[in-house]
Amino acid sequence: MKLFTGLKKIREIERQHLPFLKSLFDFDIVIEIGYAEEQGQPLTLKQLFLLNICSRTTVRRKLVRLIEQGIVIRRKHANDHRASLLMISPSSVKLLGKYGGTLTAIAVSYFK
């Protein structure tokens, strides 16, 4: 597979199956929240701000939209009831897993 053919295929999949990722900032926020959750250390909002993905205002605005769409779940911290933990919804994890599998398949066919 040629490079731009693969990239075009990836972009089509993103548009079709991941419409909630409107920008790279959205993608970065979802990846950071998911990564922290995978590591067993779910992020708080403050920790997400400290990653400097973009301005605090932009992070807050994008996070609100992702929560409203059901992509990100906000849960109370068990030990500190003032803080909330951010997690990716199970349905979104499943969808992103399929996306990752597709990326792998495209990459494998490209590097053959």
PDB file of N, CA and C in Angstrom:
ATOM      1  N   MET A   1       0.854  -1.179   0.000  1.00  0.00           N
ATOM      2  CA  MET A   1       0.000   0.000   0.000  1.00  0.00           C
ATOM      3  C   MET A   1       0.895   1.235   0.000  1.00  0.00           C
ATOM      4  N   LYS A   2       0.481   2.224  -0.735  1.00  0.00           N
ATOM      5  CA  LYS A   2       1.219   3.475  -0.806  1.00  0.00           C
ATOM      6  C   LYS A   2       0.899   4.325   0.410  1.00  0.00           C
ATOM      7  N   LEU A   3       1.823   5.219   0.729  1.00  0.00           N
ATOM      8  CA  LEU A   3       1.716   6.054   1.924  1.00  0.00           C
ATOM      9  C   LEU A   3       0.412   6.842   1.985  1.00  0.00           C
ATOM     10  N   PHE A   4       0.132   7.624   0.969  1.00  0.00           N
ATOM     11  CA  PHE A   4      -1.036   8.496   1.018  1.00  0.00           C
ATOM     12  C   PHE A   4      -2.343   7.724   0.851  1.00  0.00           C
ATOM     13  N   THR A   5      -2.280   6.568   0.235  1.00  0.00           N
ATOM     14  CA  THR A   5      -3.448   5.691   0.167  1.00  0.00           C
ATOM     15  C   THR A   5      -3.802   5.234   1.580  1.00  0.00           C
ATOM     16  N   GLY A   6      -2.783   4.824   2.329  1.00  0.00           N
ATOM     17  CA  GLY A   6      -2.988   4.406   3.723  1.00  0.00           C
ATOM     18  C   GLY A   6      -3.487   5.543   4.587  1.00  0.00           C
ATOM     19  N   LEU A   7      -2.885   6.730   4.435  1.00  0.00           N
ATOM     20  CA  LEU A   7      -3.306   7.893   5.221  1.00  0.00           C
ATOM     21  C   LEU A   7      -4.744   8.291   4.899  1.00  0.00           C
ATOM     22  N   LYS A   8      -5.102   8.209   3.628  1.00  0.00           N
ATOM     23  CA  LYS A   8      -6.466   8.540   3.221  1.00  0.00           C
ATOM     24  C   LYS A   8      -7.452   7.552   3.839  1.00  0.00           C
ATOM     25  N   LYS A   9      -7.097   6.285   3.848  1.00  0.00           N
ATOM     26  CA  LYS A   9      -7.949   5.259   4.449  1.00  0.00           C
ATOM     27  C   LYS A   9      -8.133   5.513   5.950  1.00  0.00           C
ATOM     28  N   ILE A  10      -7.042   5.861   6.624  1.00  0.00           N
ATOM     29  CA  ILE A  10      -7.095   6.158   8.064  1.00  0.00           C
ATOM     30  C   ILE A  10      -8.019   7.345   8.318  1.00  0.00           C
ATOM     31  N   ARG A  11      -7.891   8.376   7.523  1.00  0.00           N
ATOM     32  CA  ARG A  11      -8.712   9.586   7.701  1.00  0.00           C
ATOM     33  C   ARG A  11     -10.190   9.284   7.471  1.00  0.00           C
ATOM     34  N   GLU A  12     -10.493   8.444   6.474  1.00  0.00           N
ATOM     35  CA  GLU A  12     -11.878   8.059   6.218  1.00  0.00           C
ATOM     36  C   GLU A  12     -12.466   7.324   7.422  1.00  0.00           C
ATOM     37  N   ILE A  13     -11.685   6.434   8.016  1.00  0.00           N
ATOM     38  CA  ILE A  13     -12.123   5.687   9.195  1.00  0.00           C
ATOM     39  C   ILE A  13     -12.368   6.645  10.355  1.00  0.00           C
ATOM     40  N   GLU A  14     -11.463   7.609  10.541  1.00  0.00           N
ATOM     41  CA  GLU A  14     -11.633   8.591  11.620  1.00  0.00           C
ATOM     42  C   GLU A  14     -12.925   9.384  11.435  1.00  0.00           C
ATOM     43  N   ARG A  15     -13.180   9.859  10.234  1.00  0.00           N
ATOM     44  CA  ARG A  15     -14.393  10.642   9.973  1.00  0.00           C
ATOM     45  C   ARG A  15     -15.653   9.818  10.200  1.00  0.00           C
ATOM     46  N   GLN A  16     -15.596   8.554   9.774  1.00  0.00           N
ATOM     47  CA  GLN A  16     -16.763   7.694   9.838  1.00  0.00           C
ATOM     48  C   GLN A  16     -17.047   7.173  11.250  1.00  0.00           C
ATOM     49  N   HIS A  17     -16.010   6.746  11.961  1.00  0.00           N
ATOM     50  CA  HIS A  17     -16.208   6.054  13.227  1.00  0.00           C
ATOM     51  C   HIS A  17     -15.827   6.853  14.472  1.00  0.00           C
ATOM     52  N   LEU A  18     -15.088   7.933  14.296  1.00  0.00           N
ATOM     53  CA  LEU A  18     -14.661   8.743  15.440  1.00  0.00           C
ATOM     54  C   LEU A  18     -15.048  10.206  15.250  1.00  0.00           C
ATOM     55  N   PRO A  19     -16.319  10.492  14.988  1.00  0.00           N
ATOM     56  CA  PRO A  19     -16.712  11.871  14.702  1.00  0.00           C
ATOM     57  C   PRO A  19     -16.561  12.802  15.902  1.00  0.00           C
ATOM     58  N   PHE A  20     -16.431  12.239  17.093  1.00  0.00           N
ATOM     59  CA  PHE A  20     -16.283  13.059  18.297  1.00  0.00           C
ATOM     60  C   PHE A  20     -14.887  13.657  18.411  1.00  0.00           C
ATOM     61  N   LEU A  21     -13.947  13.170  17.612  1.00  0.00           N
ATOM     62  CA  LEU A  21     -12.588  13.723  17.629  1.00  0.00           C
ATOM     63  C   LEU A  21     -12.496  14.796  16.549  1.00  0.00           C
ATOM     64  N   LYS A  22     -12.897  16.003  16.923  1.00  0.00           N
ATOM     65  CA  LYS A  22     -12.965  17.115  15.975  1.00  0.00           C
ATOM     66  C   LYS A  22     -11.603  17.753  15.713  1.00  0.00           C
ATOM     67  N   SER A  23     -10.672  17.594  16.653  1.00  0.00           N
ATOM     68  CA  SER A  23      -9.364  18.227  16.497  1.00  0.00           C
ATOM     69  C   SER A  23      -8.288  17.342  17.126  1.00  0.00           C
ATOM     70  N   LEU A  24      -7.058  17.711  16.889  1.00  0.00           N
ATOM     71  CA  LEU A  24      -5.955  16.980  17.523  1.00  0.00           C
ATOM     72  C   LEU A  24      -5.992  17.144  19.039  1.00  0.00           C
ATOM     73  N   PHE A  25      -6.484  18.286  19.506  1.00  0.00           N
ATOM     74  CA  PHE A  25      -6.606  18.485  20.955  1.00  0.00           C
ATOM     75  C   PHE A  25      -7.585  17.474  21.559  1.00  0.00           C
ATOM     76  N   ASP A  26      -8.713  17.247  20.868  1.00  0.00           N
ATOM     77  CA  ASP A  26      -9.675  16.243  21.342  1.00  0.00           C
ATOM     78  C   ASP A  26      -8.988  14.877  21.436  1.00  0.00           C
ATOM     79  N   PHE A  27      -8.261  14.540  20.382  1.00  0.00           N
ATOM     80  CA  PHE A  27      -7.571  13.248  20.338  1.00  0.00           C
ATOM     81  C   PHE A  27      -6.540  13.165  21.457  1.00  0.00           C
ATOM     82  N   ASP A  28      -5.772  14.222  21.664  1.00  0.00           N
ATOM     83  CA  ASP A  28      -4.764  14.241  22.725  1.00  0.00           C
ATOM     84  C   ASP A  28      -5.398  14.079  24.107  1.00  0.00           C
ATOM     85  N   ILE A  29      -6.515  14.740  24.335  1.00  0.00           N
ATOM     86  CA  ILE A  29      -7.203  14.642  25.636  1.00  0.00           C
ATOM     87  C   ILE A  29      -7.664  13.203  25.870  1.00  0.00           C
ATOM     88  N   VAL A  30      -8.302  12.612  24.868  1.00  0.00           N
ATOM     89  CA  VAL A  30      -8.778  11.229  25.002  1.00  0.00           C
ATOM     90  C   VAL A  30      -7.606  10.277  25.225  1.00  0.00           C
ATOM     91  N   ILE A  31      -6.533  10.447  24.483  1.00  0.00           N
ATOM     92  CA  ILE A  31      -5.363   9.566  24.628  1.00  0.00           C
ATOM     93  C   ILE A  31      -4.757   9.697  26.019  1.00  0.00           C
ATOM     94  N   GLU A  32      -4.593  10.915  26.509  1.00  0.00           N
ATOM     95  CA  GLU A  32      -3.989  11.106  27.835  1.00  0.00           C
ATOM     96  C   GLU A  32      -4.860  10.525  28.945  1.00  0.00           C
ATOM     97  N   ILE A  33      -6.168  10.716  28.855  1.00  0.00           N
ATOM     98  CA  ILE A  33      -7.075  10.162  29.863  1.00  0.00           C
ATOM     99  C   ILE A  33      -7.034   8.638  29.803  1.00  0.00           C
ATOM    100  N   GLY A  34      -7.101   8.078  28.600  1.00  0.00           N
ATOM    101  CA  GLY A  34      -7.064   6.628  28.433  1.00  0.00           C
ATOM    102  C   GLY A  34      -5.746   6.021  28.875  1.00  0.00           C
ATOM    103  N   TYR A  35      -4.646   6.698  28.560  1.00  0.00           N
ATOM    104  CA  TYR A  35      -3.323   6.195  28.944  1.00  0.00           C
ATOM    105  C   TYR A  35      -3.186   6.151  30.467  1.00  0.00           C
ATOM    106  N   ALA A  36      -3.601   7.222  31.120  1.00  0.00           N
ATOM    107  CA  ALA A  36      -3.510   7.273  32.578  1.00  0.00           C
ATOM    108  C   ALA A  36      -4.373   6.179  33.201  1.00  0.00           C
ATOM    109  N   GLU A  37      -5.545   5.972  32.647  1.00  0.00           N
ATOM    110  CA  GLU A  37      -6.432   4.919  33.144  1.00  0.00           C
ATOM    111  C   GLU A  37      -5.797   3.541  32.945  1.00  0.00           C
ATOM    112  N   GLU A  38      -5.189   3.339  31.790  1.00  0.00           N
ATOM    113  CA  GLU A  38      -4.493   2.076  31.486  1.00  0.00           C
ATOM    114  C   GLU A  38      -3.359   1.798  32.478  1.00  0.00           C
ATOM    115  N   GLN A  39      -2.710   2.861  32.926  1.00  0.00           N
ATOM    116  CA  GLN A  39      -1.598   2.753  33.869  1.00  0.00           C
ATOM    117  C   GLN A  39      -2.085   2.586  35.308  1.00  0.00           C
ATOM    118  N   GLY A  40      -3.407   2.607  35.496  1.00  0.00           N
ATOM    119  CA  GLY A  40      -3.976   2.457  36.831  1.00  0.00           C
ATOM    120  C   GLY A  40      -3.958   3.737  37.644  1.00  0.00           C
ATOM    121  N   GLN A  41      -3.758   4.876  36.995  1.00  0.00           N
ATOM    122  CA  GLN A  41      -3.704   6.179  37.649  1.00  0.00           C
ATOM    123  C   GLN A  41      -4.618   7.167  36.930  1.00  0.00           C
ATOM    124  N   PRO A  42      -5.942   7.000  37.021  1.00  0.00           N
ATOM    125  CA  PRO A  42      -6.841   7.924  36.312  1.00  0.00           C
ATOM    126  C   PRO A  42      -6.533   9.386  36.648  1.00  0.00           C
ATOM    127  N   LEU A  43      -6.675  10.225  35.646  1.00  0.00           N
ATOM    128  CA  LEU A  43      -6.369  11.649  35.799  1.00  0.00           C
ATOM    129  C   LEU A  43      -7.487  12.415  36.486  1.00  0.00           C
ATOM    130  N   THR A  44      -7.099  13.427  37.223  1.00  0.00           N
ATOM    131  CA  THR A  44      -8.042  14.426  37.709  1.00  0.00           C
ATOM    132  C   THR A  44      -8.007  15.575  36.696  1.00  0.00           C
ATOM    133  N   LEU A  45      -8.953  16.480  36.807  1.00  0.00           N
ATOM    134  CA  LEU A  45      -8.968  17.635  35.909  1.00  0.00           C
ATOM    135  C   LEU A  45      -7.683  18.443  36.061  1.00  0.00           C
ATOM    136  N   LYS A  46      -7.233  18.630  37.284  1.00  0.00           N
ATOM    137  CA  LYS A  46      -6.009  19.398  37.528  1.00  0.00           C
ATOM    138  C   LYS A  46      -4.807  18.739  36.843  1.00  0.00           C
ATOM    139  N   GLN A  47      -4.713  17.414  36.940  1.00  0.00           N
ATOM    140  CA  GLN A  47      -3.609  16.711  36.285  1.00  0.00           C
ATOM    141  C   GLN A  47      -3.680  16.859  34.770  1.00  0.00           C
ATOM    142  N   LEU A  48      -4.898  16.849  34.230  1.00  0.00           N
ATOM    143  CA  LEU A  48      -5.071  17.040  32.792  1.00  0.00           C
ATOM    144  C   LEU A  48      -4.595  18.439  32.387  1.00  0.00           C
ATOM    145  N   PHE A  49      -4.919  19.446  33.183  1.00  0.00           N
ATOM    146  CA  PHE A  49      -4.436  20.802  32.910  1.00  0.00           C
ATOM    147  C   PHE A  49      -2.916  20.860  32.901  1.00  0.00           C
ATOM    148  N   LEU A  50      -2.286  20.147  33.833  1.00  0.00           N
ATOM    149  CA  LEU A  50      -0.830  20.191  33.969  1.00  0.00           C
ATOM    150  C   LEU A  50      -0.090  19.547  32.793  1.00  0.00           C
ATOM    151  N   LEU A  51      -0.795  18.806  31.963  1.00  0.00           N
ATOM    152  CA  LEU A  51      -0.166  18.191  30.791  1.00  0.00           C
ATOM    153  C   LEU A  51       0.081  19.205  29.674  1.00  0.00           C
ATOM    154  N   ASN A  52      -0.512  20.391  29.806  1.00  0.00           N
ATOM    155  CA  ASN A  52      -0.327  21.482  28.832  1.00  0.00           C
ATOM    156  C   ASN A  52      -0.629  21.057  27.397  1.00  0.00           C
ATOM    157  N   ILE A  53      -1.725  20.344  27.225  1.00  0.00           N
ATOM    158  CA  ILE A  53      -2.154  19.943  25.879  1.00  0.00           C
ATOM    159  C   ILE A  53      -2.518  21.192  25.082  1.00  0.00           C
ATOM    160  N   CYS A  54      -3.225  22.073  25.720  1.00  0.00           N
ATOM    161  CA  CYS A  54      -3.602  23.367  25.157  1.00  0.00           C
ATOM    162  C   CYS A  54      -4.000  24.244  26.339  1.00  0.00           C
ATOM    163  N   SER A  55      -4.556  25.392  26.093  1.00  0.00           N
ATOM    164  CA  SER A  55      -4.903  26.284  27.201  1.00  0.00           C
ATOM    165  C   SER A  55      -5.954  25.628  28.102  1.00  0.00           C
ATOM    166  N   ARG A  56      -5.995  26.069  29.355  1.00  0.00           N
ATOM    167  CA  ARG A  56      -6.970  25.523  30.309  1.00  0.00           C
ATOM    168  C   ARG A  56      -8.398  25.720  29.812  1.00  0.00           C
ATOM    169  N   THR A  57      -8.654  26.862  29.237  1.00  0.00           N
ATOM    170  CA  THR A  57      -9.997  27.158  28.732  1.00  0.00           C
ATOM    171  C   THR A  57     -10.377  26.184  27.623  1.00  0.00           C
ATOM    172  N   THR A  58      -9.451  25.929  26.715  1.00  0.00           N
ATOM    173  CA  THR A  58      -9.717  25.001  25.617  1.00  0.00           C
ATOM    174  C   THR A  58      -9.895  23.584  26.140  1.00  0.00           C
ATOM    175  N   VAL A  59      -9.057  23.162  27.076  1.00  0.00           N
ATOM    176  CA  VAL A  59      -9.200  21.825  27.660  1.00  0.00           C
ATOM    177  C   VAL A  59     -10.568  21.699  28.314  1.00  0.00           C
ATOM    178  N   ARG A  60     -10.939  22.683  29.074  1.00  0.00           N
ATOM    179  CA  ARG A  60     -12.228  22.650  29.785  1.00  0.00           C
ATOM    180  C   ARG A  60     -13.393  22.572  28.787  1.00  0.00           C
ATOM    181  N   ARG A  61     -13.340  23.396  27.748  1.00  0.00           N
ATOM    182  CA  ARG A  61     -14.411  23.429  26.748  1.00  0.00           C
ATOM    183  C   ARG A  61     -14.509  22.093  25.997  1.00  0.00           C
ATOM    184  N   LYS A  62     -13.376  21.564  25.598  1.00  0.00           N
ATOM    185  CA  LYS A  62     -13.363  20.299  24.859  1.00  0.00           C
ATOM    186  C   LYS A  62     -13.759  19.130  25.752  1.00  0.00           C
ATOM    187  N   LEU A  63     -13.339  19.168  27.005  1.00  0.00           N
ATOM    188  CA  LEU A  63     -13.678  18.103  27.935  1.00  0.00           C
ATOM    189  C   LEU A  63     -15.187  18.086  28.215  1.00  0.00           C
ATOM    190  N   VAL A  64     -15.785  19.248  28.366  1.00  0.00           N
ATOM    191  CA  VAL A  64     -17.235  19.326  28.582  1.00  0.00           C
ATOM    192  C   VAL A  64     -17.966  18.670  27.410  1.00  0.00           C
ATOM    193  N   ARG A  65     -17.528  18.953  26.205  1.00  0.00           N
ATOM    194  CA  ARG A  65     -18.168  18.371  25.019  1.00  0.00           C
ATOM    195  C   ARG A  65     -17.981  16.855  24.983  1.00  0.00           C
ATOM    196  N   LEU A  66     -16.779  16.372  25.319  1.00  0.00           N
ATOM    197  CA  LEU A  66     -16.524  14.933  25.335  1.00  0.00           C
ATOM    198  C   LEU A  66     -17.343  14.223  26.418  1.00  0.00           C
ATOM    199  N   ILE A  67     -17.549  14.892  27.542  1.00  0.00           N
ATOM    200  CA  ILE A  67     -18.380  14.327  28.617  1.00  0.00           C
ATOM    201  C   ILE A  67     -19.848  14.292  28.171  1.00  0.00           C
ATOM    202  N   GLU A  68     -20.324  15.376  27.565  1.00  0.00           N
ATOM    203  CA  GLU A  68     -21.708  15.431  27.089  1.00  0.00           C
ATOM    204  C   GLU A  68     -21.993  14.350  26.049  1.00  0.00           C
ATOM    205  N   GLN A  69     -20.996  14.022  25.231  1.00  0.00           N
ATOM    206  CA  GLN A  69     -21.154  13.002  24.199  1.00  0.00           C
ATOM    207  C   GLN A  69     -20.993  11.583  24.745  1.00  0.00           C
ATOM    208  N   GLY A  70     -20.604  11.469  26.004  1.00  0.00           N
ATOM    209  CA  GLY A  70     -20.447  10.153  26.607  1.00  0.00           C
ATOM    210  C   GLY A  70     -19.119   9.483  26.306  1.00  0.00           C
ATOM    211  N   ILE A  71     -18.171  10.222  25.795  1.00  0.00           N
ATOM    212  CA  ILE A  71     -16.850   9.667  25.483  1.00  0.00           C
ATOM    213  C   ILE A  71     -16.027   9.575  26.762  1.00  0.00           C
ATOM    214  N   VAL A  72     -16.062  10.636  27.542  1.00  0.00           N
ATOM    215  CA  VAL A  72     -15.335  10.697  28.818  1.00  0.00           C
ATOM    216  C   VAL A  72     -16.358  10.628  29.948  1.00  0.00           C
ATOM    217  N   ILE A  73     -16.005   9.883  30.981  1.00  0.00           N
ATOM    218  CA  ILE A  73     -16.844   9.759  32.172  1.00  0.00           C
ATOM    219  C   ILE A  73     -16.110  10.441  33.313  1.00  0.00           C
ATOM    220  N   ARG A  74     -16.868  11.189  34.110  1.00  0.00           N
ATOM    221  CA  ARG A  74     -16.307  11.867  35.279  1.00  0.00           C
ATOM    222  C   ARG A  74     -16.885  11.188  36.522  1.00  0.00           C
ATOM    223  N   ARG A  75     -15.994  10.669  37.381  1.00  0.00           N
ATOM    224  CA  ARG A  75     -16.433   9.996  38.610  1.00  0.00           C
ATOM    225  C   ARG A  75     -15.776  10.642  39.818  1.00  0.00           C
ATOM    226  N   LYS A  76     -16.479  10.623  40.926  1.00  0.00           N
ATOM    227  CA  LYS A  76     -15.913  11.155  42.171  1.00  0.00           C
ATOM    228  C   LYS A  76     -14.732  10.302  42.606  1.00  0.00           C
ATOM    229  N   HIS A  77     -13.700  10.951  43.094  1.00  0.00           N
ATOM    230  CA  HIS A  77     -12.527  10.269  43.637  1.00  0.00           C
ATOM    231  C   HIS A  77     -12.930   9.600  44.955  1.00  0.00           C
ATOM    232  N   ALA A  78     -12.586   8.340  45.123  1.00  0.00           N
ATOM    233  CA  ALA A  78     -13.011   7.586  46.315  1.00  0.00           C
ATOM    234  C   ALA A  78     -12.442   8.179  47.607  1.00  0.00           C
ATOM    235  N   ASN A  79     -11.200   8.659  47.568  1.00  0.00           N
ATOM    236  CA  ASN A  79     -10.545   9.161  48.774  1.00  0.00           C
ATOM    237  C   ASN A  79     -10.681  10.664  48.971  1.00  0.00           C
ATOM    238  N   ASP A  80     -10.868  11.400  47.878  1.00  0.00           N
ATOM    239  CA  ASP A  80     -10.946  12.854  47.944  1.00  0.00           C
ATOM    240  C   ASP A  80     -12.209  13.288  47.212  1.00  0.00           C
ATOM    241  N   HIS A  81     -13.269  13.515  47.938  1.00  0.00           N
ATOM    242  CA  HIS A  81     -14.551  13.816  47.318  1.00  0.00           C
ATOM    243  C   HIS A  81     -14.600  15.187  46.641  1.00  0.00           C
ATOM    244  N   ARG A  82     -13.549  15.969  46.791  1.00  0.00           N
ATOM    245  CA  ARG A  82     -13.493  17.250  46.085  1.00  0.00           C
ATOM    246  C   ARG A  82     -13.064  17.044  44.641  1.00  0.00           C
ATOM    247  N   ALA A  83     -12.336  15.966  44.377  1.00  0.00           N
ATOM    248  CA  ALA A  83     -11.774  15.721  43.051  1.00  0.00           C
ATOM    249  C   ALA A  83     -12.621  14.716  42.266  1.00  0.00           C
ATOM    250  N   SER A  84     -12.558  14.835  40.947  1.00  0.00           N
ATOM    251  CA  SER A  84     -13.202  13.878  40.048  1.00  0.00           C
ATOM    252  C   SER A  84     -12.128  13.187  39.227  1.00  0.00           C
ATOM    253  N   LEU A  85     -12.355  11.916  38.936  1.00  0.00           N
ATOM    254  CA  LEU A  85     -11.454  11.169  38.073  1.00  0.00           C
ATOM    255  C   LEU A  85     -12.054  11.117  36.676  1.00  0.00           C
ATOM    256  N   LEU A  86     -11.197  11.221  35.683  1.00  0.00           N
ATOM    257  CA  LEU A  86     -11.637  11.190  34.292  1.00  0.00           C
ATOM    258  C   LEU A  86     -11.306   9.823  33.698  1.00  0.00           C
ATOM    259  N   MET A  87     -12.294   9.220  33.033  1.00  0.00           N
ATOM    260  CA  MET A  87     -12.101   7.914  32.408  1.00  0.00           C
ATOM    261  C   MET A  87     -12.790   7.895  31.057  1.00  0.00           C
ATOM    262  N   ILE A  88     -12.328   7.003  30.197  1.00  0.00           N
ATOM    263  CA  ILE A  88     -12.941   6.827  28.889  1.00  0.00           C
ATOM    264  C   ILE A  88     -14.058   5.796  29.038  1.00  0.00           C
ATOM    265  N   SER A  89     -15.215   6.067  28.443  1.00  0.00           N
ATOM    266  CA  SER A  89     -16.356   5.141  28.549  1.00  0.00           C
ATOM    267  C   SER A  89     -15.997   3.805  27.899  1.00  0.00           C
ATOM    268  N   PRO A  90     -16.540   2.711  28.415  1.00  0.00           N
ATOM    269  CA  PRO A  90     -16.242   1.391  27.845  1.00  0.00           C
ATOM    270  C   PRO A  90     -16.566   1.288  26.346  1.00  0.00           C
ATOM    271  N   SER A  91     -17.659   1.887  25.904  1.00  0.00           N
ATOM    272  CA  SER A  91     -18.001   1.821  24.477  1.00  0.00           C
ATOM    273  C   SER A  91     -16.970   2.571  23.628  1.00  0.00           C
ATOM    274  N   SER A  92     -16.445   3.667  24.159  1.00  0.00           N
ATOM    275  CA  SER A  92     -15.418   4.423  23.432  1.00  0.00           C
ATOM    276  C   SER A  92     -14.103   3.654  23.402  1.00  0.00           C
ATOM    277  N   VAL A  93     -13.777   2.966  24.495  1.00  0.00           N
ATOM    278  CA  VAL A  93     -12.553   2.147  24.530  1.00  0.00           C
ATOM    279  C   VAL A  93     -12.652   1.064  23.463  1.00  0.00           C
ATOM    280  N   LYS A  94     -13.812   0.448  23.351  1.00  0.00           N
ATOM    281  CA  LYS A  94     -14.019  -0.605  22.348  1.00  0.00           C
ATOM    282  C   LYS A  94     -13.854  -0.034  20.936  1.00  0.00           C
ATOM    283  N   LEU A  95     -14.450   1.109  20.685  1.00  0.00           N
ATOM    284  CA  LEU A  95     -14.363   1.763  19.379  1.00  0.00           C
ATOM    285  C   LEU A  95     -12.918   2.142  19.052  1.00  0.00           C
ATOM    286  N   LEU A  96     -12.218   2.709  20.029  1.00  0.00           N
ATOM    287  CA  LEU A  96     -10.819   3.088  19.808  1.00  0.00           C
ATOM    288  C   LEU A  96      -9.929   1.853  19.628  1.00  0.00           C
ATOM    289  N   GLY A  97     -10.298   0.743  20.262  1.00  0.00           N
ATOM    290  CA  GLY A  97      -9.567  -0.514  20.060  1.00  0.00           C
ATOM    291  C   GLY A  97      -9.687  -1.002  18.627  1.00  0.00           C
ATOM    292  N   LYS A  98     -10.876  -0.905  18.060  1.00  0.00           N
ATOM    293  CA  LYS A  98     -11.085  -1.283  16.655  1.00  0.00           C
ATOM    294  C   LYS A  98     -10.277  -0.372  15.735  1.00  0.00           C
ATOM    295  N   TYR A  99     -10.272   0.912  16.075  1.00  0.00           N
ATOM    296  CA  TYR A  99      -9.503   1.891  15.297  1.00  0.00           C
ATOM    297  C   TYR A  99      -8.015   1.537  15.331  1.00  0.00           C
ATOM    298  N   GLY A 100      -7.519   1.198  16.525  1.00  0.00           N
ATOM    299  CA  GLY A 100      -6.112   0.806  16.661  1.00  0.00           C
ATOM    300  C   GLY A 100      -5.795  -0.432  15.846  1.00  0.00           C
ATOM    301  N   GLY A 101      -6.709  -1.392  15.829  1.00  0.00           N
ATOM    302  CA  GLY A 101      -6.510  -2.602  15.025  1.00  0.00           C
ATOM    303  C   GLY A 101      -6.442  -2.285  13.541  1.00  0.00           C
ATOM    304  N   THR A 102      -7.295  -1.367  13.103  1.00  0.00           N
ATOM    305  CA  THR A 102      -7.295  -0.956  11.699  1.00  0.00           C
ATOM    306  C   THR A 102      -5.992  -0.252  11.344  1.00  0.00           C
ATOM    307  N   LEU A 103      -5.520   0.614  12.236  1.00  0.00           N
ATOM    308  CA  LEU A 103      -4.240   1.300  11.997  1.00  0.00           C
ATOM    309  C   LEU A 103      -3.111   0.282  11.866  1.00  0.00           C
ATOM    310  N   THR A 104      -3.121  -0.715  12.742  1.00  0.00           N
ATOM    311  CA  THR A 104      -2.090  -1.750  12.692  1.00  0.00           C
ATOM    312  C   THR A 104      -2.140  -2.495  11.369  1.00  0.00           C
ATOM    313  N   ALA A 105      -3.327  -2.869  10.937  1.00  0.00           N
ATOM    314  CA  ALA A 105      -3.469  -3.590   9.668  1.00  0.00           C
ATOM    315  C   ALA A 105      -2.962  -2.759   8.490  1.00  0.00           C
ATOM    316  N   ILE A 106      -3.285  -1.475   8.489  1.00  0.00           N
ATOM    317  CA  ILE A 106      -2.831  -0.600   7.410  1.00  0.00           C
ATOM    318  C   ILE A 106      -1.316  -0.452   7.446  1.00  0.00           C
ATOM    319  N   ALA A 107      -0.754  -0.279   8.647  1.00  0.00           N
ATOM    320  CA  ALA A 107       0.700  -0.139   8.786  1.00  0.00           C
ATOM    321  C   ALA A 107       1.412  -1.404   8.346  1.00  0.00           C
ATOM    322  N   VAL A 108       0.893  -2.560   8.711  1.00  0.00           N
ATOM    323  CA  VAL A 108       1.513  -3.826   8.326  1.00  0.00           C
ATOM    324  C   VAL A 108       1.517  -3.986   6.823  1.00  0.00           C
ATOM    325  N   SER A 109       0.393  -3.633   6.177  1.00  0.00           N
ATOM    326  CA  SER A 109       0.334  -3.761   4.713  1.00  0.00           C
ATOM    327  C   SER A 109       1.256  -2.748   4.030  1.00  0.00           C
ATOM    328  N   TYR A 110       1.472  -1.600   4.655  1.00  0.00           N
ATOM    329  CA  TYR A 110       2.361  -0.583   4.089  1.00  0.00           C
ATOM    330  C   TYR A 110       3.817  -1.004   4.158  1.00  0.00           C
ATOM    331  N   PHE A 111       4.215  -1.618   5.285  1.00  0.00           N
ATOM    332  CA  PHE A 111       5.623  -1.945   5.497  1.00  0.00           C
ATOM    333  C   PHE A 111       6.010  -3.327   4.990  1.00  0.00           C
ATOM    334  N   LYS A 112       5.124  -4.000   4.266  1.00  0.00           N
ATOM    335  CA  LYS A 112       5.467  -5.308   3.694  1.00  0.00           C
ATOM    336  C   LYS A 112       6.483  -5.166   2.608  1.00  0.00           C
TER     337      LYS A 112
END
